[in-house]
């Protein structure tokens, strides 16, 4: 998985007709990428803002019935 880039996965999903809408990526840049447990302080601090962005995106989406 780490050898693939996000754009590779999106391209693959598009070619397999698995995407029905645009892909929105909300990311957090870590300060430290070494192996370890838990979140880095930078990532932990950024979660509330990232969650707010996710909720804004969800609230702005049209809901289609199944």
PDB file of N, CA and C in Angstrom:
ATOM      1  N   UNK A   1       0.823  -1.195   0.000  1.00  0.00           N
ATOM      2  CA  UNK A   1       0.000   0.000   0.000  1.00  0.00           C
ATOM      3  C   UNK A   1       0.863   1.253   0.000  1.00  0.00           C
ATOM      4  N   UNK A   2       1.954   1.251   0.742  1.00  0.00           N
ATOM      5  CA  UNK A   2       2.775   2.453   0.826  1.00  0.00           C
ATOM      6  C   UNK A   2       3.478   2.782  -0.485  1.00  0.00           C
ATOM      7  N   UNK A   3       3.616   1.799  -1.366  1.00  0.00           N
ATOM      8  CA  UNK A   3       4.258   2.059  -2.652  1.00  0.00           C
ATOM      9  C   UNK A   3       3.322   2.806  -3.595  1.00  0.00           C
ATOM     10  N   UNK A   4       2.020   2.750  -3.326  1.00  0.00           N
ATOM     11  CA  UNK A   4       1.049   3.451  -4.158  1.00  0.00           C
ATOM     12  C   UNK A   4       0.819   4.857  -3.624  1.00  0.00           C
ATOM     13  N   UNK A   5       0.629   5.763  -4.537  1.00  0.00           N
ATOM     14  CA  UNK A   5       0.282   7.129  -4.169  1.00  0.00           C
ATOM     15  C   UNK A   5      -1.236   7.267  -4.211  1.00  0.00           C
ATOM     16  N   UNK A   6      -1.761   8.256  -3.511  1.00  0.00           N
ATOM     17  CA  UNK A   6      -3.204   8.458  -3.473  1.00  0.00           C
ATOM     18  C   UNK A   6      -3.782   8.628  -4.872  1.00  0.00           C
ATOM     19  N   UNK A   7      -3.094   9.396  -5.715  1.00  0.00           N
ATOM     20  CA  UNK A   7      -3.615   9.610  -7.068  1.00  0.00           C
ATOM     21  C   UNK A   7      -3.666   8.307  -7.863  1.00  0.00           C
ATOM     22  N   UNK A   8      -2.755   7.375  -7.573  1.00  0.00           N
ATOM     23  CA  UNK A   8      -2.804   6.063  -8.236  1.00  0.00           C
ATOM     24  C   UNK A   8      -4.070   5.304  -7.844  1.00  0.00           C
ATOM     25  N   UNK A   9      -4.410   5.354  -6.571  1.00  0.00           N
ATOM     26  CA  UNK A   9      -5.607   4.660  -6.102  1.00  0.00           C
ATOM     27  C   UNK A   9      -6.874   5.284  -6.665  1.00  0.00           C
ATOM     28  N   UNK A  10      -6.908   6.610  -6.743  1.00  0.00           N
ATOM     29  CA  UNK A  10      -8.072   7.295  -7.314  1.00  0.00           C
ATOM     30  C   UNK A  10      -8.198   6.948  -8.793  1.00  0.00           C
ATOM     31  N   UNK A  11      -7.087   6.975  -9.516  1.00  0.00           N
ATOM     32  CA  UNK A  11      -7.116   6.615 -10.939  1.00  0.00           C
ATOM     33  C   UNK A  11      -7.605   5.178 -11.136  1.00  0.00           C
ATOM     34  N   UNK A  12      -7.135   4.267 -10.299  1.00  0.00           N
ATOM     35  CA  UNK A  12      -7.564   2.873 -10.393  1.00  0.00           C
ATOM     36  C   UNK A  12      -9.062   2.748 -10.116  1.00  0.00           C
ATOM     37  N   UNK A  13      -9.532   3.396  -9.071  1.00  0.00           N
ATOM     38  CA  UNK A  13     -10.960   3.342  -8.738  1.00  0.00           C
ATOM     39  C   UNK A  13     -11.802   3.928  -9.864  1.00  0.00           C
ATOM     40  N   UNK A  14     -11.332   5.012 -10.478  1.00  0.00           N
ATOM     41  CA  UNK A  14     -12.062   5.599 -11.611  1.00  0.00           C
ATOM     42  C   UNK A  14     -12.107   4.628 -12.785  1.00  0.00           C
ATOM     43  N   UNK A  15     -10.979   4.004 -13.083  1.00  0.00           N
ATOM     44  CA  UNK A  15     -10.939   3.091 -14.231  1.00  0.00           C
ATOM     45  C   UNK A  15     -11.822   1.862 -13.999  1.00  0.00           C
ATOM     46  N   UNK A  16     -12.015   1.483 -12.744  1.00  0.00           N
ATOM     47  CA  UNK A  16     -12.887   0.358 -12.413  1.00  0.00           C
ATOM     48  C   UNK A  16     -14.336   0.801 -12.197  1.00  0.00           C
ATOM     49  N   UNK A  17     -14.593   2.087 -12.459  1.00  0.00           N
ATOM     50  CA  UNK A  17     -15.948   2.653 -12.310  1.00  0.00           C
ATOM     51  C   UNK A  17     -16.470   2.517 -10.878  1.00  0.00           C
ATOM     52  N   UNK A  18     -15.580   2.704  -9.904  1.00  0.00           N
ATOM     53  CA  UNK A  18     -15.968   2.609  -8.500  1.00  0.00           C
ATOM     54  C   UNK A  18     -16.255   3.965  -7.869  1.00  0.00           C
ATOM     55  N   UNK A  19     -15.986   5.037  -8.601  1.00  0.00           N
ATOM     56  CA  UNK A  19     -16.229   6.380  -8.068  1.00  0.00           C
ATOM     57  C   UNK A  19     -17.423   6.997  -8.769  1.00  0.00           C
ATOM     58  N   UNK A  20     -18.375   7.467  -7.985  1.00  0.00           N
ATOM     59  CA  UNK A  20     -19.544   8.111  -8.578  1.00  0.00           C
ATOM     60  C   UNK A  20     -19.547   9.615  -8.329  1.00  0.00           C
ATOM     61  N   UNK A  21     -18.573  10.102  -7.587  1.00  0.00           N
ATOM     62  CA  UNK A  21     -18.503  11.529  -7.288  1.00  0.00           C
ATOM     63  C   UNK A  21     -17.041  11.932  -7.121  1.00  0.00           C
ATOM     64  N   UNK A  22     -16.779  13.235  -7.072  1.00  0.00           N
ATOM     65  CA  UNK A  22     -15.395  13.678  -6.890  1.00  0.00           C
ATOM     66  C   UNK A  22     -14.815  13.188  -5.560  1.00  0.00           C
ATOM     67  N   UNK A  23     -13.515  13.058  -5.527  1.00  0.00           N
ATOM     68  CA  UNK A  23     -12.814  12.666  -4.311  1.00  0.00           C
ATOM     69  C   UNK A  23     -12.301  13.925  -3.635  1.00  0.00           C
ATOM     70  N   UNK A  24     -12.594  14.054  -2.368  1.00  0.00           N
ATOM     71  CA  UNK A  24     -12.129  15.192  -1.586  1.00  0.00           C
ATOM     72  C   UNK A  24     -11.161  14.649  -0.547  1.00  0.00           C
ATOM     73  N   UNK A  25      -9.959  15.189  -0.522  1.00  0.00           N
ATOM     74  CA  UNK A  25      -8.937  14.726   0.407  1.00  0.00           C
ATOM     75  C   UNK A  25      -8.688  15.812   1.440  1.00  0.00           C
ATOM     76  N   UNK A  26      -8.781  15.436   2.690  1.00  0.00           N
ATOM     77  CA  UNK A  26      -8.452  16.339   3.791  1.00  0.00           C
ATOM     78  C   UNK A  26      -7.315  15.667   4.535  1.00  0.00           C
ATOM     79  N   UNK A  27      -6.180  16.311   4.558  1.00  0.00           N
ATOM     80  CA  UNK A  27      -5.008  15.695   5.151  1.00  0.00           C
ATOM     81  C   UNK A  27      -4.417  16.504   6.279  1.00  0.00           C
ATOM     82  N   UNK A  28      -3.573  15.850   7.031  1.00  0.00           N
ATOM     83  CA  UNK A  28      -2.828  16.475   8.116  1.00  0.00           C
ATOM     84  C   UNK A  28      -1.377  16.079   7.931  1.00  0.00           C
ATOM     85  N   UNK A  29      -0.504  17.049   7.920  1.00  0.00           N
ATOM     86  CA  UNK A  29       0.918  16.758   7.746  1.00  0.00           C
ATOM     87  C   UNK A  29       1.562  16.504   9.106  1.00  0.00           C
ATOM     88  N   UNK A  30       2.117  15.309   9.295  1.00  0.00           N
ATOM     89  CA  UNK A  30       2.735  15.007  10.588  1.00  0.00           C
ATOM     90  C   UNK A  30       4.092  15.684  10.723  1.00  0.00           C
ATOM     91  N   UNK A  31       4.474  15.961  11.936  1.00  0.00           N
ATOM     92  CA  UNK A  31       5.791  16.530  12.183  1.00  0.00           C
ATOM     93  C   UNK A  31       6.860  15.453  12.248  1.00  0.00           C
ATOM     94  N   UNK A  32       6.444  14.230  12.570  1.00  0.00           N
ATOM     95  CA  UNK A  32       7.381  13.124  12.750  1.00  0.00           C
ATOM     96  C   UNK A  32       6.768  11.878  12.119  1.00  0.00           C
ATOM     97  N   UNK A  33       7.482  11.257  11.210  1.00  0.00           N
ATOM     98  CA  UNK A  33       6.956  10.066  10.538  1.00  0.00           C
ATOM     99  C   UNK A  33       7.671   8.779  10.956  1.00  0.00           C
ATOM    100  N   UNK A  34       8.417   8.844  12.045  1.00  0.00           N
ATOM    101  CA  UNK A  34       9.086   7.630  12.509  1.00  0.00           C
ATOM    102  C   UNK A  34       8.059   6.682  13.128  1.00  0.00           C
ATOM    103  N   UNK A  35       8.426   5.406  13.220  1.00  0.00           N
ATOM    104  CA  UNK A  35       7.523   4.405  13.778  1.00  0.00           C
ATOM    105  C   UNK A  35       7.261   4.684  15.250  1.00  0.00           C
ATOM    106  N   UNK A  36       6.050   4.427  15.656  1.00  0.00           N
ATOM    107  CA  UNK A  36       5.679   4.611  17.052  1.00  0.00           C
ATOM    108  C   UNK A  36       4.194   4.396  17.224  1.00  0.00           C
ATOM    109  N   UNK A  37       3.744   4.480  18.446  1.00  0.00           N
ATOM    110  CA  UNK A  37       2.324   4.302  18.743  1.00  0.00           C
ATOM    111  C   UNK A  37       1.679   5.650  18.996  1.00  0.00           C
ATOM    112  N   UNK A  38       0.412   5.732  18.665  1.00  0.00           N
ATOM    113  CA  UNK A  38      -0.335   6.952  18.934  1.00  0.00           C
ATOM    114  C   UNK A  38      -0.078   8.023  17.894  1.00  0.00           C
ATOM    115  N   UNK A  39      -0.677   9.168  18.142  1.00  0.00           N
ATOM    116  CA  UNK A  39      -0.557  10.305  17.230  1.00  0.00           C
ATOM    117  C   UNK A  39       0.563  11.229  17.678  1.00  0.00           C
ATOM    118  N   UNK A  40       1.184  11.885  16.711  1.00  0.00           N
ATOM    119  CA  UNK A  40       2.146  12.919  17.080  1.00  0.00           C
ATOM    120  C   UNK A  40       1.355  14.107  17.624  1.00  0.00           C
ATOM    121  N   UNK A  41       1.976  14.949  18.428  1.00  0.00           N
ATOM    122  CA  UNK A  41       1.267  16.120  18.955  1.00  0.00           C
ATOM    123  C   UNK A  41       0.694  17.003  17.848  1.00  0.00           C
ATOM    124  N   UNK A  42       1.426  17.141  16.735  1.00  0.00           N
ATOM    125  CA  UNK A  42       0.946  17.972  15.628  1.00  0.00           C
ATOM    126  C   UNK A  42      -0.350  17.419  15.040  1.00  0.00           C
ATOM    127  N   UNK A  43      -0.387  16.107  14.861  1.00  0.00           N
ATOM    128  CA  UNK A  43      -1.581  15.483  14.289  1.00  0.00           C
ATOM    129  C   UNK A  43      -2.740  15.559  15.278  1.00  0.00           C
ATOM    130  N   UNK A  44      -2.488  15.259  16.532  1.00  0.00           N
ATOM    131  CA  UNK A  44      -3.543  15.328  17.546  1.00  0.00           C
ATOM    132  C   UNK A  44      -4.142  16.729  17.611  1.00  0.00           C
ATOM    133  N   UNK A  45      -3.303  17.744  17.524  1.00  0.00           N
ATOM    134  CA  UNK A  45      -3.773  19.129  17.582  1.00  0.00           C
ATOM    135  C   UNK A  45      -4.600  19.492  16.343  1.00  0.00           C
ATOM    136  N   UNK A  46      -4.293  18.882  15.198  1.00  0.00           N
ATOM    137  CA  UNK A  46      -4.968  19.217  13.938  1.00  0.00           C
ATOM    138  C   UNK A  46      -6.291  18.476  13.739  1.00  0.00           C
ATOM    139  N   UNK A  47      -6.566  17.460  14.529  1.00  0.00           N
ATOM    140  CA  UNK A  47      -7.772  16.656  14.320  1.00  0.00           C
ATOM    141  C   UNK A  47      -9.063  17.470  14.407  1.00  0.00           C
ATOM    142  N   UNK A  48      -9.255  18.338  15.388  1.00  0.00           N
ATOM    143  CA  UNK A  48     -10.517  19.096  15.428  1.00  0.00           C
ATOM    144  C   UNK A  48     -10.763  19.925  14.161  1.00  0.00           C
ATOM    145  N   UNK A  49      -9.734  20.565  13.644  1.00  0.00           N
ATOM    146  CA  UNK A  49      -9.899  21.363  12.421  1.00  0.00           C
ATOM    147  C   UNK A  49     -10.192  20.462  11.223  1.00  0.00           C
ATOM    148  N   UNK A  50      -9.510  19.326  11.138  1.00  0.00           N
ATOM    149  CA  UNK A  50      -9.759  18.393  10.032  1.00  0.00           C
ATOM    150  C   UNK A  50     -11.176  17.830  10.124  1.00  0.00           C
ATOM    151  N   UNK A  51     -11.613  17.506  11.318  1.00  0.00           N
ATOM    152  CA  UNK A  51     -12.971  16.999  11.505  1.00  0.00           C
ATOM    153  C   UNK A  51     -14.004  18.044  11.096  1.00  0.00           C
ATOM    154  N   UNK A  52     -13.756  19.294  11.433  1.00  0.00           N
ATOM    155  CA  UNK A  52     -14.669  20.369  11.020  1.00  0.00           C
ATOM    156  C   UNK A  52     -14.769  20.449   9.505  1.00  0.00           C
ATOM    157  N   UNK A  53     -13.646  20.308   8.814  1.00  0.00           N
ATOM    158  CA  UNK A  53     -13.658  20.324   7.350  1.00  0.00           C
ATOM    159  C   UNK A  53     -14.445  19.141   6.789  1.00  0.00           C
ATOM    160  N   UNK A  54     -14.275  17.980   7.394  1.00  0.00           N
ATOM    161  CA  UNK A  54     -15.015  16.795   6.954  1.00  0.00           C
ATOM    162  C   UNK A  54     -16.512  17.024   7.129  1.00  0.00           C
ATOM    163  N   UNK A  55     -16.907  17.534   8.283  1.00  0.00           N
ATOM    164  CA  UNK A  55     -18.327  17.775   8.539  1.00  0.00           C
ATOM    165  C   UNK A  55     -18.897  18.815   7.585  1.00  0.00           C
ATOM    166  N   UNK A  56     -18.128  19.857   7.273  1.00  0.00           N
ATOM    167  CA  UNK A  56     -18.576  20.856   6.296  1.00  0.00           C
ATOM    168  C   UNK A  56     -18.815  20.209   4.936  1.00  0.00           C
ATOM    169  N   UNK A  57     -17.908  19.330   4.530  1.00  0.00           N
ATOM    170  CA  UNK A  57     -18.065  18.645   3.246  1.00  0.00           C
ATOM    171  C   UNK A  57     -19.300  17.749   3.251  1.00  0.00           C
ATOM    172  N   UNK A  58     -19.501  17.020   4.331  1.00  0.00           N
ATOM    173  CA  UNK A  58     -20.659  16.124   4.423  1.00  0.00           C
ATOM    174  C   UNK A  58     -21.952  16.927   4.386  1.00  0.00           C
ATOM    175  N   UNK A  59     -22.007  18.010   5.138  1.00  0.00           N
ATOM    176  CA  UNK A  59     -23.217  18.827   5.188  1.00  0.00           C
ATOM    177  C   UNK A  59     -23.512  19.480   3.845  1.00  0.00           C
ATOM    178  N   UNK A  60     -22.487  19.718   3.040  1.00  0.00           N
ATOM    179  CA  UNK A  60     -22.673  20.353   1.742  1.00  0.00           C
ATOM    180  C   UNK A  60     -23.031  19.394   0.624  1.00  0.00           C
ATOM    181  N   UNK A  61     -23.021  18.094   0.901  1.00  0.00           N
ATOM    182  CA  UNK A  61     -23.302  17.090  -0.127  1.00  0.00           C
ATOM    183  C   UNK A  61     -24.799  16.860  -0.257  1.00  0.00           C
ATOM    184  N   UNK A  62     -25.230  16.597  -1.489  1.00  0.00           N
ATOM    185  CA  UNK A  62     -26.610  16.192  -1.723  1.00  0.00           C
ATOM    186  C   UNK A  62     -26.755  14.739  -1.302  1.00  0.00           C
ATOM    187  N   UNK A  63     -27.869  14.425  -0.709  1.00  0.00           N
ATOM    188  CA  UNK A  63     -28.128  13.052  -0.296  1.00  0.00           C
ATOM    189  C   UNK A  63     -29.012  12.396  -1.346  1.00  0.00           C
ATOM    190  N   UNK A  64     -28.562  11.249  -1.842  1.00  0.00           N
ATOM    191  CA  UNK A  64     -29.314  10.499  -2.849  1.00  0.00           C
ATOM    192  C   UNK A  64     -29.873   9.246  -2.193  1.00  0.00           C
ATOM    193  N   UNK A  65     -31.150   9.032  -2.327  1.00  0.00           N
ATOM    194  CA  UNK A  65     -31.787   7.855  -1.735  1.00  0.00           C
ATOM    195  C   UNK A  65     -31.337   6.567  -2.382  1.00  0.00           C
ATOM    196  N   UNK A  66     -31.381   5.514  -1.609  1.00  0.00           N
ATOM    197  CA  UNK A  66     -30.971   4.199  -2.127  1.00  0.00           C
ATOM    198  C   UNK A  66     -32.163   3.451  -2.678  1.00  0.00           C
TER     199      UNK A  66
END
